[in-house]
Amino acid sequence: MRWYQTFAKVSTIFVAGIFLCSPGLAAGDREGWRHFKDEGSKFEVFGDFAGAERAYAKSLKLVDASKASTAERGEVMARLANVMLWQQKFKQAEPYFNELLKLIPQLKSEGKKNEDFFTCVDSLSNAYYERSQGINRIPGIQHSIRIIDTAFGDIHPELPRELVALAYTYSALGMNQEALTFANRALSIAKRETSEKGQIHLWKTLALVGNCRKSVGDWEGARQAFEQAVSLMNKSLKRFSLTAAAAKAQLAIVYLHMHKKEESKKLFKEAEALFASKLYEMDKKGLRDIGTVGPELLALAQMYVAFNQYSKAEPICRRSLMLTKVTFGDKDPFLINELRVHGFVLSRLGRMKESQGQEAQAQALASLYK
């Protein structure tokens, strides 16, 4: 072996020995787990969630053998679960979620010294809401709500948003009474808000309550909720939004059912014009910031169906399905109603084979959530 090869080999062993024996990385040492936690955080910043998961897993092993506090251990656990969710590893994150739920009450009683832990728990709650897709959508939102309820209570600003999302999801699955329960809870929280943003959220929640009441056959309750929503909406900065158009479309359907023909026709024209305007704007922007456009478009299709205008409803149904798939994936529960409405419209247009295909897809998708 040449002298420089011997030198390189010895140098490598020496450097590796320094790394392995470094007090900062020794098993059980406080700084060892901190090193890997910081490493995981850097991976997260660059979107390398697999790398972050490996680093946080190493950190958690070291923190278990160290003298780290319960809050520090919980913080690493929350970070690890978070990056798992970003990789759609819902089942793998479950044990950490369950353990965190046990830790939260204990650490909550200790006060402000655990702020880092609760910041990570808050981030995990948001990840459950934002990253859970397909058949994990309902348990994901449920997990998010459980974290918020346990750690923060009704004061958390995102709780109404998540209650509304869960209610809409239950409604899409035909679980109308469950949907109404969560919608009513969201409404009781929304009523406390007095700001402009709070008022916008209030009328959106009222529209949700109206949808849920209509679904359980409470047409009078639906009328009251939609009328309050539209009244607040007309004073809002968001009165020209697709959500506003959807609320007007639903109220037009309610009025038609209650034989209020003049009021129904008036709202039909307003909703149709507002939808046309917003869709024109969206066509110019392309598929950017489409949010909940798909489910909101379903209200327009349902309005056309109520007024027996099936040829107008059919392209809206197709667009609703496409946008929902783009936003939420091809297993989202919102698609169940959209497929069924489309199937019904196709049957009215005499396209029975296509209609049966859409109904079959709806049934297959619904079976995933049973």
Protein backbone atom coordinates (compact mmCIF):
# COMPACT_ATOMS: atom_id res chain seq x y z
CA MET A 1 0.00 0.00 0.00
CA ARG A 2 1.43 3.35 -0.99
CA TRP A 3 2.07 5.96 1.74
CA TYR A 4 -0.69 8.32 0.57
CA GLN A 5 -3.23 5.45 0.50
CA THR A 6 -2.28 4.55 4.07
CA PHE A 7 -2.60 8.20 5.09
CA ALA A 8 -6.04 8.52 3.46
CA LYS A 9 -7.29 5.34 5.16
CA VAL A 10 -6.03 6.42 8.59
CA SER A 11 -7.50 9.91 8.09
CA THR A 12 -10.89 8.45 7.19
CA ILE A 13 -10.92 6.24 10.28
CA PHE A 14 -9.82 9.18 12.44
CA VAL A 15 -12.53 11.50 11.12
CA ALA A 16 -15.20 8.80 11.42
CA GLY A 17 -14.07 8.16 14.98
CA ILE A 18 -14.41 11.84 15.82
CA PHE A 19 -17.93 11.85 14.28
CA LEU A 20 -19.05 8.73 16.14
CA CYS A 21 -17.52 9.75 19.43
CA SER A 22 -18.65 13.36 19.18
CA PRO A 23 -20.39 14.29 22.42
CA GLY A 24 -23.03 16.04 20.33
CA LEU A 25 -24.14 12.78 18.68
CA ALA A 26 -23.60 10.25 21.43
CA ALA A 27 -26.65 8.11 22.19
CA GLY A 28 -28.50 9.45 25.17
CA ASP A 29 -26.86 12.85 25.00
CA ARG A 30 -29.20 15.87 24.83
CA GLU A 31 -27.35 17.42 21.93
CA GLY A 32 -27.49 14.22 19.90
CA TRP A 33 -31.24 14.29 19.49
CA ARG A 34 -31.13 18.04 18.94
CA HIS A 35 -28.69 17.57 16.08
CA PHE A 36 -31.03 15.20 14.23
CA LYS A 37 -34.06 17.35 15.02
CA ASP A 38 -32.32 20.35 13.44
CA GLU A 39 -31.27 18.17 10.51
CA GLY A 40 -34.88 17.09 10.01
CA SER A 41 -36.01 20.71 10.08
CA LYS A 42 -33.53 21.56 7.31
CA PHE A 43 -34.81 18.68 5.17
CA GLU A 44 -38.37 19.98 5.65
CA VAL A 45 -37.42 23.46 4.47
CA PHE A 46 -36.22 21.98 1.18
CA GLY A 47 -39.24 19.70 0.83
CA ASP A 48 -37.30 16.48 1.43
CA PHE A 49 -39.88 14.85 3.71
CA ALA A 50 -38.34 11.37 3.43
CA GLY A 51 -35.01 12.78 4.63
CA ALA A 52 -36.80 14.69 7.39
CA GLU A 53 -38.58 11.50 8.48
CA ARG A 54 -35.27 9.61 8.80
CA ALA A 55 -33.72 12.44 10.79
CA TYR A 56 -36.68 12.85 13.15
CA ALA A 57 -36.84 9.05 13.68
CA LYS A 58 -33.16 9.09 14.75
CA SER A 59 -33.84 12.08 16.97
CA LEU A 60 -36.75 10.29 18.64
CA LYS A 61 -34.62 7.21 19.36
CA LEU A 62 -31.98 9.37 21.00
CA VAL A 63 -34.48 11.50 22.89
CA ASP A 64 -36.04 8.35 24.40
CA ALA A 65 -32.64 7.47 25.89
CA SER A 66 -31.81 11.01 27.00
CA LYS A 67 -32.84 13.31 29.81
CA ALA A 68 -34.98 15.41 27.48
CA SER A 69 -38.26 16.71 28.83
CA THR A 70 -41.66 15.27 27.93
CA ALA A 71 -42.39 18.41 25.90
CA GLU A 72 -39.16 18.03 23.91
CA ARG A 73 -39.95 14.39 23.19
CA GLY A 74 -43.48 15.35 22.16
CA GLU A 75 -42.17 18.04 19.83
CA VAL A 76 -40.00 15.53 17.94
CA MET A 77 -42.93 13.11 17.78
CA ALA A 78 -45.22 15.80 16.33
CA ARG A 79 -42.58 16.75 13.76
CA LEU A 80 -42.15 13.09 12.73
CA ALA A 81 -45.90 12.54 12.35
CA ASN A 82 -46.16 15.76 10.33
CA VAL A 83 -43.62 14.76 7.69
CA MET A 84 -45.23 11.32 7.48
CA LEU A 85 -48.52 12.96 6.55
CA TRP A 86 -46.79 14.96 3.84
CA GLN A 87 -45.87 11.57 2.34
CA GLN A 88 -49.44 10.24 2.78
CA LYS A 89 -48.26 7.82 5.49
CA PHE A 90 -51.46 8.14 7.47
CA LYS A 91 -51.30 4.73 9.21
CA GLN A 92 -47.65 5.10 10.16
CA ALA A 93 -48.40 8.42 11.87
CA GLU A 94 -51.28 6.96 13.90
CA PRO A 95 -49.26 5.70 16.95
CA TYR A 96 -47.67 9.14 17.37
CA PHE A 97 -51.06 10.83 17.09
CA ASN A 98 -52.47 8.61 19.85
CA GLU A 99 -49.50 9.23 22.13
CA LEU A 100 -49.64 12.99 21.56
CA LEU A 101 -53.30 13.05 22.57
CA LYS A 102 -52.24 11.56 25.92
CA LEU A 103 -49.39 14.06 26.34
CA ILE A 104 -51.33 17.22 25.48
CA PRO A 105 -53.44 17.52 28.69
CA GLN A 106 -50.36 16.98 30.85
CA LEU A 107 -48.28 19.56 29.01
CA LYS A 108 -51.18 21.99 28.71
CA SER A 109 -51.32 22.28 32.51
CA GLU A 110 -47.64 23.30 32.60
CA GLY A 111 -48.24 26.52 30.67
CA LYS A 112 -46.10 28.70 28.42
CA LYS A 113 -42.81 26.83 28.82
CA ASN A 114 -44.14 24.28 26.32
CA GLU A 115 -44.81 26.76 23.49
CA ASP A 116 -42.55 24.93 20.99
CA PHE A 117 -44.45 21.70 21.60
CA PHE A 118 -47.84 23.33 21.02
CA THR A 119 -46.57 25.11 17.89
CA CYS A 120 -45.61 21.71 16.45
CA VAL A 121 -48.92 20.18 17.56
CA ASP A 122 -50.77 23.04 15.83
CA SER A 123 -48.76 22.39 12.67
CA LEU A 124 -49.62 18.68 12.89
CA SER A 125 -53.31 19.52 13.19
CA ASN A 126 -53.06 21.61 10.03
CA ALA A 127 -51.22 18.79 8.23
CA TYR A 128 -54.04 16.36 9.07
CA TYR A 129 -56.49 18.83 7.55
CA GLU A 130 -54.44 19.82 4.50
CA ARG A 131 -52.68 16.57 3.58
CA SER A 132 -55.28 13.85 4.22
CA GLN A 133 -56.86 12.84 0.91
CA GLY A 134 -59.22 10.23 -0.48
CA ILE A 135 -60.42 7.68 2.08
CA ASN A 136 -58.22 9.33 4.72
CA ARG A 137 -60.10 12.62 4.35
CA ILE A 138 -62.69 12.04 7.09
CA PRO A 139 -60.31 10.53 9.69
CA GLY A 140 -57.79 13.25 8.81
CA ILE A 141 -60.23 16.08 9.58
CA GLN A 142 -61.45 14.19 12.67
CA HIS A 143 -57.87 13.90 13.91
CA SER A 144 -57.29 17.59 13.29
CA ILE A 145 -60.42 18.51 15.26
CA ARG A 146 -59.45 16.18 18.13
CA ILE A 147 -56.04 17.83 18.39
CA ILE A 148 -57.58 21.30 18.37
CA ASP A 149 -60.25 20.36 20.92
CA THR A 150 -57.68 18.78 23.23
CA ALA A 151 -54.95 21.39 22.91
CA PHE A 152 -56.72 24.68 22.20
CA GLY A 153 -60.51 24.42 22.44
CA ASP A 154 -63.09 26.57 20.65
CA ILE A 155 -60.76 29.59 20.60
CA HIS A 156 -58.63 28.09 17.83
CA PRO A 157 -59.23 30.16 14.65
CA GLU A 158 -59.21 27.15 12.30
CA LEU A 159 -61.73 25.04 14.22
CA PRO A 160 -64.82 26.41 12.39
CA ARG A 161 -63.12 25.80 9.02
CA GLU A 162 -62.51 22.17 9.94
CA LEU A 163 -65.98 21.60 11.36
CA VAL A 164 -67.41 22.99 8.12
CA ALA A 165 -65.16 20.72 6.03
CA LEU A 166 -66.20 17.67 8.04
CA ALA A 167 -69.87 18.59 7.74
CA TYR A 168 -69.58 18.98 3.96
CA THR A 169 -67.78 15.64 3.72
CA TYR A 170 -70.43 13.84 5.77
CA SER A 171 -73.10 15.49 3.63
CA ALA A 172 -71.40 14.24 0.46
CA LEU A 173 -71.61 10.71 1.88
CA GLY A 174 -75.30 11.09 2.66
CA MET A 175 -74.65 11.18 6.43
CA ASN A 176 -76.91 14.18 6.73
CA GLN A 177 -77.71 14.11 10.44
CA GLU A 178 -74.01 13.87 11.35
CA ALA A 179 -73.31 16.70 8.91
CA LEU A 180 -75.96 18.87 10.55
CA THR A 181 -74.46 18.25 14.02
CA PHE A 182 -71.05 19.55 12.96
CA ALA A 183 -72.57 22.39 10.92
CA ASN A 184 -74.53 23.60 13.95
CA ARG A 185 -71.40 23.52 16.11
CA ALA A 186 -69.52 25.53 13.49
CA LEU A 187 -72.42 28.00 13.37
CA SER A 188 -72.41 28.53 17.14
CA ILE A 189 -68.70 29.44 16.96
CA ALA A 190 -69.08 31.60 13.83
CA LYS A 191 -71.80 33.70 15.49
CA ARG A 192 -69.25 35.04 18.00
CA GLU A 193 -67.22 36.74 15.27
CA THR A 194 -67.94 40.39 14.59
CA SER A 195 -65.13 41.26 12.18
CA GLU A 196 -65.64 41.51 8.40
CA LYS A 197 -63.79 38.22 7.95
CA GLY A 198 -65.90 36.70 10.72
CA GLN A 199 -69.11 37.80 9.02
CA ILE A 200 -67.98 36.21 5.76
CA HIS A 201 -67.37 32.97 7.60
CA LEU A 202 -70.76 33.28 9.28
CA TRP A 203 -72.74 33.48 6.04
CA LYS A 204 -70.71 30.64 4.53
CA THR A 205 -71.53 28.52 7.58
CA LEU A 206 -75.20 29.49 7.37
CA ALA A 207 -75.19 28.29 3.75
CA LEU A 208 -73.74 24.99 4.93
CA VAL A 209 -76.43 24.67 7.61
CA GLY A 210 -79.03 25.39 4.92
CA ASN A 211 -77.63 22.59 2.76
CA CYS A 212 -77.68 20.15 5.67
CA ARG A 213 -81.24 21.06 6.66
CA LYS A 214 -82.39 20.68 3.06
CA SER A 215 -80.76 17.24 2.95
CA VAL A 216 -82.69 16.03 6.02
CA GLY A 217 -85.96 17.39 4.61
CA ASP A 218 -86.22 20.47 6.83
CA TRP A 219 -87.16 22.90 4.07
CA GLU A 220 -88.31 25.67 6.40
CA GLY A 221 -85.06 25.47 8.38
CA ALA A 222 -83.15 25.49 5.09
CA ARG A 223 -85.06 28.58 3.91
CA GLN A 224 -84.26 30.48 7.11
CA ALA A 225 -80.56 29.57 6.98
CA PHE A 226 -80.16 30.43 3.28
CA GLU A 227 -82.07 33.71 3.64
CA GLN A 228 -79.81 34.78 6.51
CA ALA A 229 -76.76 33.74 4.48
CA VAL A 230 -77.85 35.70 1.39
CA SER A 231 -78.77 38.76 3.49
CA LEU A 232 -75.31 38.83 5.11
CA MET A 233 -73.64 37.99 1.83
CA ASN A 234 -75.16 40.96 0.03
CA LYS A 235 -73.41 43.28 2.52
CA SER A 236 -70.08 41.45 2.19
CA LEU A 237 -66.99 42.09 0.10
CA LYS A 238 -67.33 38.48 -1.10
CA ARG A 239 -70.85 38.94 -2.46
CA PHE A 240 -69.60 38.21 -5.99
CA SER A 241 -67.86 34.93 -5.10
CA LEU A 242 -68.76 31.44 -6.32
CA THR A 243 -69.74 30.56 -2.75
CA ALA A 244 -72.27 33.40 -2.86
CA ALA A 245 -73.58 32.18 -6.21
CA ALA A 246 -73.95 28.66 -4.78
CA ALA A 247 -75.94 29.98 -1.79
CA LYS A 248 -78.31 31.87 -4.11
CA ALA A 249 -78.72 28.79 -6.30
CA GLN A 250 -79.62 26.66 -3.29
CA LEU A 251 -82.12 29.25 -2.03
CA ALA A 252 -83.71 29.31 -5.51
CA ILE A 253 -84.17 25.52 -5.22
CA VAL A 254 -85.74 25.88 -1.76
CA TYR A 255 -88.13 28.59 -2.96
CA LEU A 256 -89.13 26.45 -5.95
CA HIS A 257 -89.87 23.52 -3.64
CA MET A 258 -92.00 25.82 -1.45
CA HIS A 259 -93.90 27.08 -4.52
CA LYS A 260 -92.50 30.62 -4.27
CA LYS A 261 -92.12 30.90 -8.03
CA GLU A 262 -91.40 34.62 -8.39
CA GLU A 263 -88.72 34.64 -5.69
CA SER A 264 -87.25 31.46 -7.15
CA LYS A 265 -87.02 32.86 -10.70
CA LYS A 266 -85.39 36.05 -9.44
CA LEU A 267 -82.69 34.15 -7.55
CA PHE A 268 -82.22 31.75 -10.47
CA LYS A 269 -81.28 34.67 -12.74
CA GLU A 270 -79.00 36.24 -10.14
CA ALA A 271 -77.19 32.96 -9.41
CA GLU A 272 -76.83 32.09 -13.11
CA ALA A 273 -75.38 35.51 -13.96
CA LEU A 274 -72.95 35.38 -11.03
CA PHE A 275 -71.78 31.89 -11.95
CA ALA A 276 -71.28 32.95 -15.59
CA SER A 277 -69.19 35.94 -14.52
CA LYS A 278 -66.98 33.94 -12.15
CA LEU A 279 -66.48 31.11 -14.64
CA TYR A 280 -65.44 33.62 -17.29
CA GLU A 281 -62.83 35.01 -14.87
CA MET A 282 -61.64 31.50 -14.07
CA ASP A 283 -61.28 30.61 -17.74
CA LYS A 284 -58.91 33.56 -18.14
CA LYS A 285 -56.80 32.56 -15.12
CA GLY A 286 -56.68 28.83 -15.89
CA LEU A 287 -56.46 26.14 -13.21
CA ARG A 288 -55.06 28.38 -10.49
CA ASP A 289 -56.53 28.91 -7.04
CA ILE A 290 -59.57 26.82 -7.93
CA GLY A 291 -60.18 25.75 -4.31
CA THR A 292 -63.70 24.39 -3.84
CA VAL A 293 -64.96 25.43 -7.27
CA GLY A 294 -65.97 21.85 -8.14
CA PRO A 295 -68.41 21.35 -5.23
CA GLU A 296 -69.71 24.92 -5.62
CA LEU A 297 -70.46 24.33 -9.29
CA LEU A 298 -72.60 21.37 -8.26
CA ALA A 299 -75.09 23.88 -6.80
CA LEU A 300 -75.51 25.42 -10.26
CA ALA A 301 -76.06 21.99 -11.80
CA GLN A 302 -78.62 21.15 -9.09
CA MET A 303 -80.43 24.42 -9.77
CA TYR A 304 -80.64 23.62 -13.48
CA VAL A 305 -81.96 20.14 -12.57
CA ALA A 306 -84.63 21.65 -10.28
CA PHE A 307 -85.75 23.86 -13.18
CA ASN A 308 -85.65 20.90 -15.65
CA GLN A 309 -82.85 22.48 -17.71
CA TYR A 310 -80.84 19.29 -18.16
CA SER A 311 -78.91 20.34 -21.27
CA LYS A 312 -77.46 23.27 -19.30
CA ALA A 313 -76.76 21.07 -16.27
CA GLU A 314 -74.74 18.41 -18.13
CA PRO A 315 -71.60 20.44 -19.06
CA ILE A 316 -71.62 22.00 -15.58
CA CYS A 317 -71.64 18.50 -14.06
CA ARG A 318 -68.65 17.50 -16.18
CA ARG A 319 -66.76 20.62 -15.19
CA SER A 320 -67.61 20.13 -11.52
CA LEU A 321 -66.23 16.57 -11.62
CA MET A 322 -63.06 17.62 -13.41
CA LEU A 323 -62.27 20.46 -10.99
CA THR A 324 -62.97 18.37 -7.90
CA LYS A 325 -60.61 15.66 -9.14
CA VAL A 326 -57.91 18.24 -9.85
CA THR A 327 -58.24 19.74 -6.37
CA PHE A 328 -59.01 16.76 -4.14
CA GLY A 329 -58.07 13.64 -6.11
CA ASP A 330 -60.19 10.92 -7.70
CA LYS A 331 -61.36 9.34 -4.43
CA ASP A 332 -62.75 12.42 -2.73
CA PRO A 333 -66.26 12.02 -1.22
CA PHE A 334 -67.43 15.22 -2.95
CA LEU A 335 -67.32 13.22 -6.17
CA ILE A 336 -70.11 10.89 -5.01
CA ASN A 337 -72.85 13.55 -5.23
CA GLU A 338 -71.35 15.00 -8.39
CA LEU A 339 -71.35 11.58 -10.09
CA ARG A 340 -74.94 10.90 -9.01
CA VAL A 341 -76.23 14.26 -10.19
CA HIS A 342 -74.40 13.80 -13.49
CA GLY A 343 -75.83 10.29 -13.83
CA PHE A 344 -79.34 11.59 -13.23
CA VAL A 345 -78.89 14.38 -15.79
CA LEU A 346 -77.56 11.91 -18.37
CA SER A 347 -80.59 9.66 -17.83
CA ARG A 348 -82.92 12.60 -18.44
CA LEU A 349 -81.06 13.30 -21.67
CA GLY A 350 -81.56 9.68 -22.77
CA ARG A 351 -77.91 8.69 -22.39
CA MET A 352 -78.64 5.65 -20.23
CA LYS A 353 -75.37 3.75 -20.67
CA GLU A 354 -73.32 6.76 -19.58
CA SER A 355 -75.77 7.38 -16.74
CA GLN A 356 -75.34 3.84 -15.43
CA GLY A 357 -71.57 4.22 -15.62
CA GLN A 358 -71.62 7.36 -13.46
CA GLU A 359 -73.94 5.72 -10.91
CA ALA A 360 -71.68 2.66 -10.76
CA GLN A 361 -68.67 4.90 -10.10
CA ALA A 362 -70.58 6.70 -7.36
CA GLN A 363 -71.50 3.41 -5.68
CA ALA A 364 -67.92 2.11 -5.91
CA LEU A 365 -66.57 5.31 -4.39
CA ALA A 366 -69.19 5.35 -1.62
CA SER A 367 -68.26 1.76 -0.71
CA LEU A 368 -64.73 2.90 0.17
CA TYR A 369 -66.12 4.97 3.04
CA LYS A 370 -68.35 2.31 4.61
